[in-house]
Amino acid sequence: MVSLTGNQIYLRALEPEDLEFVYEIENDTNLWYLSDTQTPYSRFLIKQYLENAQQDIFEAKQLRLAICNVQKETIGLIDVFDFDIKNKRAGIGILIQDKENRNLGYGKEALNLLVNYCFSTLHLHQVYANISENNLASLKLFETNGFKKIGLKKDWSFDGKTYSNEYVLQRINN
């Protein structure tokens, strides 16, 4: 079994106590561009989501984990989505909430732990990410973790004024 604990952070399942943290992230309009969210979420909906978060990844086709530092503070979320057991692949997304916790190696360690989990425990052949060409920090994070750019989706996202391109990055388990 692969450990979900690193030197600076650990990954854990979501708990009912994460309601306010998830609520803040899902309703921060400055972060909506990361997930194509366009509407706010109520506490009620997030509470229901957390109540069902114990569903097995094979059933739910997704897994969201909290990223916690050694002080046991929740600092971010990391997701496995579009889990496809037949083709042995899944997407990965990550978010470190506060800017002061970014560029400290937390995201890199969390991504490495999750990729190892996907390959060793879930036995996936490949993982991928969809990242805006303007999100240079995320592009660097994934590329330093062995992901390769394999495609560019032109004019993929519209922010109300302009279109932006989105890269598809992939890492294959060799």
N, C-alpha and C. Protein backbone atom coordinates (compact mmCIF):
# COMPACT_ATOMS: atom_id res chain seq x y z
N MET A 1 0.84 -1.19 0.00
CA MET A 1 0.00 0.00 0.00
C MET A 1 0.88 1.24 0.00
N VAL A 2 0.56 2.18 -0.86
CA VAL A 2 1.30 3.43 -0.97
C VAL A 2 0.86 4.38 0.14
N SER A 3 1.85 5.02 0.75
CA SER A 3 1.55 5.99 1.80
C SER A 3 1.07 7.30 1.19
N LEU A 4 0.13 7.92 1.85
CA LEU A 4 -0.34 9.24 1.43
C LEU A 4 0.23 10.32 2.36
N THR A 5 1.38 10.00 2.95
CA THR A 5 2.07 10.92 3.85
C THR A 5 3.45 11.22 3.30
N GLY A 6 3.76 12.51 3.22
CA GLY A 6 5.07 12.94 2.76
C GLY A 6 5.84 13.59 3.89
N ASN A 7 6.84 14.38 3.54
CA ASN A 7 7.66 15.07 4.54
C ASN A 7 6.98 16.33 5.08
N GLN A 8 6.27 17.05 4.19
CA GLN A 8 5.65 18.32 4.58
C GLN A 8 4.14 18.25 4.68
N ILE A 9 3.55 17.30 4.00
CA ILE A 9 2.08 17.22 3.94
C ILE A 9 1.62 15.78 3.99
N TYR A 10 0.32 15.61 4.19
CA TYR A 10 -0.31 14.31 4.02
C TYR A 10 -1.67 14.53 3.37
N LEU A 11 -2.16 13.49 2.72
CA LEU A 11 -3.47 13.52 2.07
C LEU A 11 -4.42 12.68 2.91
N ARG A 12 -5.64 13.17 3.07
CA ARG A 12 -6.64 12.42 3.83
C ARG A 12 -8.00 12.57 3.19
N ALA A 13 -8.89 11.64 3.55
CA ALA A 13 -10.27 11.70 3.07
C ALA A 13 -10.96 12.93 3.65
N LEU A 14 -11.94 13.42 2.94
CA LEU A 14 -12.72 14.56 3.43
C LEU A 14 -13.57 14.15 4.62
N GLU A 15 -13.75 15.07 5.54
CA GLU A 15 -14.53 14.86 6.76
C GLU A 15 -15.66 15.88 6.80
N PRO A 16 -16.71 15.63 7.58
CA PRO A 16 -17.78 16.62 7.73
C PRO A 16 -17.25 17.98 8.20
N GLU A 17 -16.16 17.97 8.97
CA GLU A 17 -15.57 19.21 9.47
C GLU A 17 -14.96 20.07 8.36
N ASP A 18 -14.82 19.53 7.17
CA ASP A 18 -14.26 20.27 6.04
C ASP A 18 -15.29 21.14 5.33
N LEU A 19 -16.50 21.17 5.84
CA LEU A 19 -17.60 21.90 5.19
C LEU A 19 -17.21 23.34 4.86
N GLU A 20 -16.75 24.11 5.81
CA GLU A 20 -16.45 25.53 5.58
C GLU A 20 -15.29 25.69 4.62
N PHE A 21 -14.27 24.84 4.72
CA PHE A 21 -13.12 24.92 3.82
C PHE A 21 -13.55 24.68 2.37
N VAL A 22 -14.29 23.62 2.14
CA VAL A 22 -14.76 23.31 0.79
C VAL A 22 -15.73 24.39 0.30
N TYR A 23 -16.60 24.86 1.19
CA TYR A 23 -17.55 25.93 0.84
C TYR A 23 -16.80 27.18 0.36
N GLU A 24 -15.75 27.57 1.08
CA GLU A 24 -14.97 28.75 0.70
C GLU A 24 -14.34 28.58 -0.68
N ILE A 25 -13.75 27.43 -0.92
CA ILE A 25 -13.08 27.18 -2.20
C ILE A 25 -14.10 27.16 -3.34
N GLU A 26 -15.19 26.42 -3.17
CA GLU A 26 -16.18 26.29 -4.24
C GLU A 26 -16.89 27.61 -4.55
N ASN A 27 -16.89 28.54 -3.61
CA ASN A 27 -17.59 29.80 -3.82
C ASN A 27 -16.66 30.99 -4.01
N ASP A 28 -15.37 30.73 -4.15
CA ASP A 28 -14.40 31.79 -4.43
C ASP A 28 -14.39 32.02 -5.94
N THR A 29 -15.02 33.09 -6.37
CA THR A 29 -15.16 33.35 -7.81
C THR A 29 -13.81 33.53 -8.49
N ASN A 30 -12.77 33.87 -7.75
CA ASN A 30 -11.43 33.99 -8.32
C ASN A 30 -10.84 32.64 -8.71
N LEU A 31 -11.42 31.57 -8.21
CA LEU A 31 -10.92 30.22 -8.51
C LEU A 31 -11.78 29.47 -9.52
N TRP A 32 -12.91 30.04 -9.87
CA TRP A 32 -13.85 29.33 -10.75
C TRP A 32 -13.26 28.97 -12.10
N TYR A 33 -12.34 29.77 -12.59
CA TYR A 33 -11.75 29.49 -13.91
C TYR A 33 -10.99 28.16 -13.90
N LEU A 34 -10.55 27.70 -12.74
CA LEU A 34 -9.79 26.45 -12.66
C LEU A 34 -10.65 25.22 -12.95
N SER A 35 -11.94 25.32 -12.65
CA SER A 35 -12.80 24.15 -12.80
C SER A 35 -14.02 24.41 -13.68
N ASP A 36 -14.04 25.52 -14.34
CA ASP A 36 -15.17 25.91 -15.19
C ASP A 36 -16.47 26.05 -14.40
N THR A 37 -16.35 26.30 -13.10
CA THR A 37 -17.53 26.55 -12.27
C THR A 37 -18.13 27.88 -12.67
N GLN A 38 -19.46 27.96 -12.68
CA GLN A 38 -20.12 29.21 -13.03
C GLN A 38 -21.22 29.59 -12.05
N THR A 39 -21.47 28.73 -11.08
CA THR A 39 -22.52 29.03 -10.11
C THR A 39 -22.03 28.70 -8.70
N PRO A 40 -22.52 29.43 -7.72
CA PRO A 40 -22.13 29.13 -6.34
C PRO A 40 -22.78 27.84 -5.84
N TYR A 41 -22.17 27.29 -4.79
CA TYR A 41 -22.70 26.09 -4.15
C TYR A 41 -23.19 26.46 -2.75
N SER A 42 -24.31 25.91 -2.35
CA SER A 42 -24.84 26.15 -1.01
C SER A 42 -24.13 25.24 0.00
N ARG A 43 -24.17 25.64 1.25
CA ARG A 43 -23.64 24.78 2.31
C ARG A 43 -24.39 23.44 2.32
N PHE A 44 -25.69 23.49 2.05
CA PHE A 44 -26.50 22.28 2.02
C PHE A 44 -25.96 21.29 0.99
N LEU A 45 -25.68 21.76 -0.24
CA LEU A 45 -25.16 20.87 -1.29
C LEU A 45 -23.79 20.32 -0.93
N ILE A 46 -22.94 21.17 -0.37
CA ILE A 46 -21.61 20.71 0.01
C ILE A 46 -21.69 19.72 1.16
N LYS A 47 -22.61 19.95 2.09
CA LYS A 47 -22.81 19.00 3.19
C LYS A 47 -23.24 17.65 2.63
N GLN A 48 -24.15 17.65 1.66
CA GLN A 48 -24.58 16.39 1.03
C GLN A 48 -23.41 15.72 0.33
N TYR A 49 -22.60 16.51 -0.36
CA TYR A 49 -21.43 15.97 -1.05
C TYR A 49 -20.49 15.29 -0.03
N LEU A 50 -20.23 15.99 1.08
CA LEU A 50 -19.34 15.42 2.11
C LEU A 50 -19.92 14.15 2.72
N GLU A 51 -21.22 14.10 2.85
CA GLU A 51 -21.86 12.89 3.40
C GLU A 51 -21.69 11.70 2.46
N ASN A 52 -21.59 11.98 1.16
CA ASN A 52 -21.43 10.92 0.17
C ASN A 52 -19.97 10.71 -0.25
N ALA A 53 -19.06 11.48 0.33
CA ALA A 53 -17.65 11.43 -0.07
C ALA A 53 -16.99 10.09 0.28
N GLN A 54 -17.61 9.30 1.13
CA GLN A 54 -17.05 8.01 1.50
C GLN A 54 -17.27 6.97 0.40
N GLN A 55 -17.99 7.33 -0.65
CA GLN A 55 -18.20 6.40 -1.76
C GLN A 55 -16.87 5.95 -2.33
N ASP A 56 -16.78 4.70 -2.66
CA ASP A 56 -15.60 4.12 -3.26
C ASP A 56 -15.34 4.75 -4.63
N ILE A 57 -14.07 4.95 -4.97
CA ILE A 57 -13.72 5.55 -6.26
C ILE A 57 -14.25 4.72 -7.43
N PHE A 58 -14.35 3.42 -7.26
CA PHE A 58 -14.86 2.56 -8.33
C PHE A 58 -16.35 2.81 -8.57
N GLU A 59 -17.02 3.30 -7.56
CA GLU A 59 -18.45 3.61 -7.64
C GLU A 59 -18.66 5.06 -8.10
N ALA A 60 -17.97 5.98 -7.45
CA ALA A 60 -18.17 7.41 -7.69
C ALA A 60 -17.43 7.92 -8.92
N LYS A 61 -16.38 7.21 -9.35
CA LYS A 61 -15.55 7.60 -10.49
C LYS A 61 -14.74 8.87 -10.21
N GLN A 62 -14.65 9.22 -8.93
CA GLN A 62 -13.85 10.37 -8.53
C GLN A 62 -13.44 10.21 -7.07
N LEU A 63 -12.40 10.96 -6.70
CA LEU A 63 -11.90 10.94 -5.33
C LEU A 63 -11.33 12.31 -5.03
N ARG A 64 -11.78 12.92 -3.96
CA ARG A 64 -11.25 14.21 -3.53
C ARG A 64 -10.62 14.01 -2.17
N LEU A 65 -9.38 14.48 -2.03
CA LEU A 65 -8.65 14.36 -0.78
C LEU A 65 -8.24 15.75 -0.30
N ALA A 66 -8.18 15.91 1.01
CA ALA A 66 -7.68 17.14 1.61
C ALA A 66 -6.16 17.06 1.68
N ILE A 67 -5.51 18.19 1.43
CA ILE A 67 -4.06 18.32 1.60
C ILE A 67 -3.85 19.02 2.94
N CYS A 68 -3.15 18.37 3.85
CA CYS A 68 -2.92 18.93 5.18
C CYS A 68 -1.42 19.06 5.45
N ASN A 69 -1.04 20.13 6.17
CA ASN A 69 0.35 20.29 6.53
C ASN A 69 0.64 19.56 7.84
N VAL A 70 1.90 19.62 8.30
CA VAL A 70 2.26 18.87 9.50
C VAL A 70 1.58 19.42 10.75
N GLN A 71 1.09 20.66 10.70
CA GLN A 71 0.32 21.22 11.81
C GLN A 71 -1.14 20.76 11.76
N LYS A 72 -1.46 19.88 10.81
CA LYS A 72 -2.79 19.32 10.62
C LYS A 72 -3.81 20.35 10.14
N GLU A 73 -3.31 21.41 9.49
CA GLU A 73 -4.20 22.41 8.89
C GLU A 73 -4.49 22.00 7.46
N THR A 74 -5.73 22.11 7.05
CA THR A 74 -6.10 21.81 5.67
C THR A 74 -5.72 23.01 4.81
N ILE A 75 -4.87 22.76 3.81
CA ILE A 75 -4.36 23.86 2.98
C ILE A 75 -4.81 23.76 1.53
N GLY A 76 -5.39 22.62 1.14
CA GLY A 76 -5.79 22.47 -0.25
C GLY A 76 -6.58 21.20 -0.50
N LEU A 77 -6.89 21.01 -1.77
CA LEU A 77 -7.62 19.83 -2.21
C LEU A 77 -6.92 19.25 -3.43
N ILE A 78 -6.98 17.94 -3.56
CA ILE A 78 -6.45 17.27 -4.75
C ILE A 78 -7.48 16.23 -5.18
N ASP A 79 -7.73 16.16 -6.48
CA ASP A 79 -8.81 15.33 -7.02
C ASP A 79 -8.32 14.33 -8.05
N VAL A 80 -8.96 13.19 -8.03
CA VAL A 80 -8.92 12.23 -9.13
C VAL A 80 -10.32 12.28 -9.72
N PHE A 81 -10.43 12.51 -11.02
CA PHE A 81 -11.75 12.60 -11.65
C PHE A 81 -11.74 11.82 -12.96
N ASP A 82 -12.91 11.61 -13.51
CA ASP A 82 -13.06 10.82 -14.75
C ASP A 82 -12.32 9.48 -14.64
N PHE A 83 -12.43 8.85 -13.48
CA PHE A 83 -11.78 7.57 -13.24
C PHE A 83 -12.35 6.53 -14.19
N ASP A 84 -11.51 6.00 -15.04
CA ASP A 84 -11.92 5.07 -16.09
C ASP A 84 -11.15 3.76 -15.91
N ILE A 85 -11.77 2.81 -15.23
CA ILE A 85 -11.09 1.56 -14.91
C ILE A 85 -10.83 0.72 -16.17
N LYS A 86 -11.72 0.77 -17.14
CA LYS A 86 -11.54 -0.01 -18.37
C LYS A 86 -10.26 0.40 -19.09
N ASN A 87 -10.07 1.69 -19.24
CA ASN A 87 -8.89 2.20 -19.96
C ASN A 87 -7.73 2.56 -19.03
N LYS A 88 -7.95 2.35 -17.73
CA LYS A 88 -6.92 2.56 -16.71
C LYS A 88 -6.32 3.96 -16.76
N ARG A 89 -7.23 4.97 -16.68
CA ARG A 89 -6.76 6.36 -16.68
C ARG A 89 -7.68 7.22 -15.83
N ALA A 90 -7.18 8.38 -15.46
CA ALA A 90 -7.98 9.34 -14.69
C ALA A 90 -7.33 10.72 -14.81
N GLY A 91 -8.15 11.74 -14.58
CA GLY A 91 -7.66 13.10 -14.53
C GLY A 91 -7.28 13.47 -13.11
N ILE A 92 -6.40 14.46 -13.00
CA ILE A 92 -5.96 14.95 -11.69
C ILE A 92 -6.07 16.47 -11.67
N GLY A 93 -6.56 17.00 -10.57
CA GLY A 93 -6.60 18.44 -10.35
C GLY A 93 -6.13 18.74 -8.94
N ILE A 94 -5.54 19.91 -8.74
CA ILE A 94 -5.01 20.28 -7.43
C ILE A 94 -5.21 21.76 -7.19
N LEU A 95 -5.41 22.11 -5.93
CA LEU A 95 -5.55 23.51 -5.54
C LEU A 95 -4.99 23.70 -4.14
N ILE A 96 -4.05 24.62 -4.00
CA ILE A 96 -3.59 25.09 -2.70
C ILE A 96 -4.31 26.41 -2.49
N GLN A 97 -5.11 26.51 -1.42
CA GLN A 97 -6.04 27.64 -1.28
C GLN A 97 -5.35 28.99 -1.13
N ASP A 98 -4.52 29.16 -0.14
CA ASP A 98 -3.95 30.48 0.15
C ASP A 98 -2.61 30.67 -0.55
N LYS A 99 -2.42 31.87 -1.08
CA LYS A 99 -1.18 32.17 -1.82
C LYS A 99 0.06 31.97 -0.98
N GLU A 100 -0.03 32.24 0.32
CA GLU A 100 1.17 32.09 1.16
C GLU A 100 1.60 30.63 1.32
N ASN A 101 0.73 29.68 0.98
CA ASN A 101 1.08 28.26 1.03
C ASN A 101 1.53 27.72 -0.33
N ARG A 102 1.57 28.57 -1.33
CA ARG A 102 2.00 28.14 -2.66
C ARG A 102 3.51 28.34 -2.81
N ASN A 103 4.09 27.60 -3.73
CA ASN A 103 5.53 27.66 -4.01
C ASN A 103 6.39 27.27 -2.81
N LEU A 104 5.86 26.42 -1.96
CA LEU A 104 6.60 25.92 -0.80
C LEU A 104 6.85 24.42 -0.91
N GLY A 105 6.46 23.82 -2.04
CA GLY A 105 6.66 22.39 -2.24
C GLY A 105 5.48 21.53 -1.83
N TYR A 106 4.42 22.14 -1.25
CA TYR A 106 3.26 21.36 -0.83
C TYR A 106 2.55 20.72 -2.02
N GLY A 107 2.32 21.51 -3.06
CA GLY A 107 1.64 21.00 -4.24
C GLY A 107 2.44 19.90 -4.92
N LYS A 108 3.74 20.10 -5.01
CA LYS A 108 4.61 19.10 -5.64
C LYS A 108 4.55 17.78 -4.88
N GLU A 109 4.63 17.87 -3.55
CA GLU A 109 4.58 16.65 -2.75
C GLU A 109 3.21 15.98 -2.84
N ALA A 110 2.14 16.77 -2.79
CA ALA A 110 0.79 16.21 -2.89
C ALA A 110 0.58 15.53 -4.23
N LEU A 111 1.01 16.17 -5.30
CA LEU A 111 0.86 15.59 -6.64
C LEU A 111 1.65 14.30 -6.75
N ASN A 112 2.86 14.29 -6.24
CA ASN A 112 3.68 13.09 -6.29
C ASN A 112 3.03 11.95 -5.51
N LEU A 113 2.50 12.24 -4.32
CA LEU A 113 1.83 11.21 -3.52
C LEU A 113 0.61 10.64 -4.26
N LEU A 114 -0.18 11.54 -4.86
CA LEU A 114 -1.39 11.08 -5.54
C LEU A 114 -1.07 10.29 -6.80
N VAL A 115 -0.09 10.72 -7.57
CA VAL A 115 0.30 9.98 -8.77
C VAL A 115 0.79 8.58 -8.39
N ASN A 116 1.61 8.51 -7.35
CA ASN A 116 2.08 7.19 -6.89
C ASN A 116 0.91 6.31 -6.46
N TYR A 117 -0.07 6.91 -5.78
CA TYR A 117 -1.28 6.18 -5.38
C TYR A 117 -2.03 5.67 -6.62
N CYS A 118 -2.19 6.54 -7.60
CA CYS A 118 -2.91 6.15 -8.82
C CYS A 118 -2.23 4.99 -9.54
N PHE A 119 -0.91 5.02 -9.62
CA PHE A 119 -0.18 3.97 -10.33
C PHE A 119 -0.05 2.69 -9.49
N SER A 120 0.26 2.83 -8.22
CA SER A 120 0.55 1.65 -7.39
C SER A 120 -0.68 0.99 -6.79
N THR A 121 -1.66 1.79 -6.37
CA THR A 121 -2.83 1.23 -5.69
C THR A 121 -4.01 1.05 -6.64
N LEU A 122 -4.26 2.06 -7.46
CA LEU A 122 -5.38 1.97 -8.41
C LEU A 122 -4.98 1.27 -9.70
N HIS A 123 -3.70 1.04 -9.90
CA HIS A 123 -3.15 0.34 -11.06
C HIS A 123 -3.51 1.02 -12.38
N LEU A 124 -3.49 2.36 -12.37
CA LEU A 124 -3.76 3.10 -13.60
C LEU A 124 -2.54 3.07 -14.51
N HIS A 125 -2.80 3.15 -15.80
CA HIS A 125 -1.74 3.20 -16.80
C HIS A 125 -1.33 4.65 -17.06
N GLN A 126 -2.29 5.57 -16.92
CA GLN A 126 -1.97 6.96 -17.20
C GLN A 126 -2.86 7.90 -16.41
N VAL A 127 -2.32 9.10 -16.16
CA VAL A 127 -3.07 10.18 -15.54
C VAL A 127 -2.87 11.41 -16.41
N TYR A 128 -3.84 12.33 -16.35
CA TYR A 128 -3.75 13.51 -17.19
C TYR A 128 -4.29 14.73 -16.44
N ALA A 129 -3.99 15.88 -16.99
CA ALA A 129 -4.49 17.14 -16.42
C ALA A 129 -4.82 18.09 -17.55
N ASN A 130 -5.80 18.95 -17.33
CA ASN A 130 -6.18 20.00 -18.27
C ASN A 130 -5.83 21.33 -17.60
N ILE A 131 -4.90 22.08 -18.20
CA ILE A 131 -4.40 23.29 -17.55
C ILE A 131 -4.36 24.44 -18.55
N SER A 132 -4.92 25.58 -18.14
CA SER A 132 -4.91 26.78 -18.97
C SER A 132 -3.47 27.18 -19.30
N GLU A 133 -3.26 27.63 -20.53
CA GLU A 133 -1.93 28.05 -20.92
C GLU A 133 -1.45 29.25 -20.09
N ASN A 134 -2.37 29.95 -19.44
CA ASN A 134 -2.02 31.09 -18.61
C ASN A 134 -1.64 30.69 -17.19
N ASN A 135 -1.90 29.46 -16.80
CA ASN A 135 -1.61 28.98 -15.45
C ASN A 135 -0.19 28.40 -15.41
N LEU A 136 0.78 29.30 -15.45
CA LEU A 136 2.18 28.88 -15.56
C LEU A 136 2.65 28.08 -14.35
N ALA A 137 2.17 28.42 -13.16
CA ALA A 137 2.58 27.69 -11.96
C ALA A 137 2.13 26.23 -12.03
N SER A 138 0.88 25.99 -12.46
CA SER A 138 0.39 24.62 -12.56
C SER A 138 1.09 23.86 -13.68
N LEU A 139 1.34 24.52 -14.79
CA LEU A 139 2.06 23.86 -15.88
C LEU A 139 3.44 23.40 -15.39
N LYS A 140 4.14 24.28 -14.68
CA LYS A 140 5.47 23.93 -14.14
C LYS A 140 5.36 22.79 -13.14
N LEU A 141 4.37 22.84 -12.25
CA LEU A 141 4.17 21.80 -11.24
C LEU A 141 4.01 20.43 -11.90
N PHE A 142 3.12 20.33 -12.88
CA PHE A 142 2.86 19.04 -13.51
C PHE A 142 4.05 18.59 -14.36
N GLU A 143 4.67 19.52 -15.07
CA GLU A 143 5.81 19.13 -15.91
C GLU A 143 6.99 18.66 -15.06
N THR A 144 7.22 19.26 -13.90
CA THR A 144 8.32 18.79 -13.04
C THR A 144 7.98 17.45 -12.38
N ASN A 145 6.71 17.04 -12.46
CA ASN A 145 6.32 15.74 -11.93
C ASN A 145 6.19 14.70 -13.06
N GLY A 146 6.79 14.97 -14.19
CA GLY A 146 6.85 13.98 -15.26
C GLY A 146 5.72 14.01 -16.26
N PHE A 147 4.81 14.98 -16.15
CA PHE A 147 3.74 15.11 -17.13
C PHE A 147 4.28 15.79 -18.39
N LYS A 148 3.79 15.37 -19.53
CA LYS A 148 4.19 15.94 -20.82
C LYS A 148 2.99 16.59 -21.49
N LYS A 149 3.22 17.73 -22.12
CA LYS A 149 2.16 18.36 -22.92
C LYS A 149 1.93 17.49 -24.14
N ILE A 150 0.69 17.09 -24.35
CA ILE A 150 0.38 16.23 -25.50
C ILE A 150 -0.61 16.88 -26.45
N GLY A 151 -1.15 18.01 -26.07
CA GLY A 151 -2.10 18.67 -26.96
C GLY A 151 -2.47 20.04 -26.45
N LEU A 152 -2.99 20.83 -27.37
CA LEU A 152 -3.46 22.17 -27.03
C LEU A 152 -4.87 22.33 -27.57
N LYS A 153 -5.79 22.64 -26.68
CA LYS A 153 -7.18 22.88 -27.08
C LYS A 153 -7.32 24.39 -27.31
N LYS A 154 -7.50 24.78 -28.56
CA LYS A 154 -7.55 26.19 -28.95
C LYS A 154 -8.88 26.81 -28.53
N ASP A 155 -8.80 28.06 -28.05
CA ASP A 155 -9.98 28.83 -27.66
C ASP A 155 -10.92 28.00 -26.78
N TRP A 156 -10.37 27.28 -25.83
CA TRP A 156 -11.13 26.31 -25.05
C TRP A 156 -12.01 26.95 -23.98
N SER A 157 -11.51 27.99 -23.33
CA SER A 157 -12.25 28.60 -22.22
C SER A 157 -12.54 30.06 -22.53
N PHE A 158 -13.75 30.48 -22.17
CA PHE A 158 -14.18 31.86 -22.40
C PHE A 158 -14.46 32.51 -21.05
N ASP A 159 -13.82 33.64 -20.78
CA ASP A 159 -13.99 34.31 -19.49
C ASP A 159 -15.00 35.46 -19.53
N GLY A 160 -15.74 35.55 -20.61
CA GLY A 160 -16.70 36.63 -20.76
C GLY A 160 -16.20 37.72 -21.70
N LYS A 161 -14.88 37.74 -21.91
CA LYS A 161 -14.27 38.74 -22.80
C LYS A 161 -13.40 38.10 -23.87
N THR A 162 -12.57 37.16 -23.46
CA THR A 162 -11.63 36.53 -24.40
C THR A 162 -11.60 35.02 -24.21
N TYR A 163 -11.11 34.36 -25.24
CA TYR A 163 -10.90 32.92 -25.19
C TYR A 163 -9.45 32.65 -24.80
N SER A 164 -9.25 31.52 -24.12
CA SER A 164 -7.88 31.10 -23.82
C SER A 164 -7.72 29.62 -24.17
N ASN A 165 -6.50 29.25 -24.43
CA ASN A 165 -6.17 27.88 -24.78
C ASN A 165 -5.92 27.06 -23.52
N GLU A 166 -6.05 25.75 -23.66
CA GLU A 166 -5.83 24.84 -22.54
C GLU A 166 -4.97 23.67 -23.00
N TYR A 167 -3.93 23.38 -22.23
CA TYR A 167 -3.08 22.23 -22.52
C TYR A 167 -3.64 20.96 -21.89
N VAL A 168 -3.40 19.85 -22.56
CA VAL A 168 -3.63 18.53 -21.99
C VAL A 168 -2.24 17.98 -21.69
N LEU A 169 -2.04 17.60 -20.44
CA LEU A 169 -0.78 17.01 -20.02
C LEU A 169 -1.06 15.58 -19.59
N GLN A 170 -0.09 14.70 -19.82
CA GLN A 170 -0.29 13.28 -19.56
C GLN A 170 0.98 12.69 -18.98
N ARG A 171 0.79 11.76 -18.08
CA ARG A 171 1.93 10.97 -17.57
C ARG A 171 1.53 9.51 -17.66
N ILE A 172 2.37 8.75 -18.33
CA ILE A 172 2.12 7.32 -18.51
C ILE A 172 3.02 6.56 -17.55
N ASN A 173 2.43 5.55 -16.90
CA ASN A 173 3.17 4.71 -15.96
C ASN A 173 4.01 3.72 -16.75
N ASN A 174 5.31 3.84 -16.65
CA ASN A 174 6.21 2.93 -17.38
C ASN A 174 6.79 1.90 -16.46
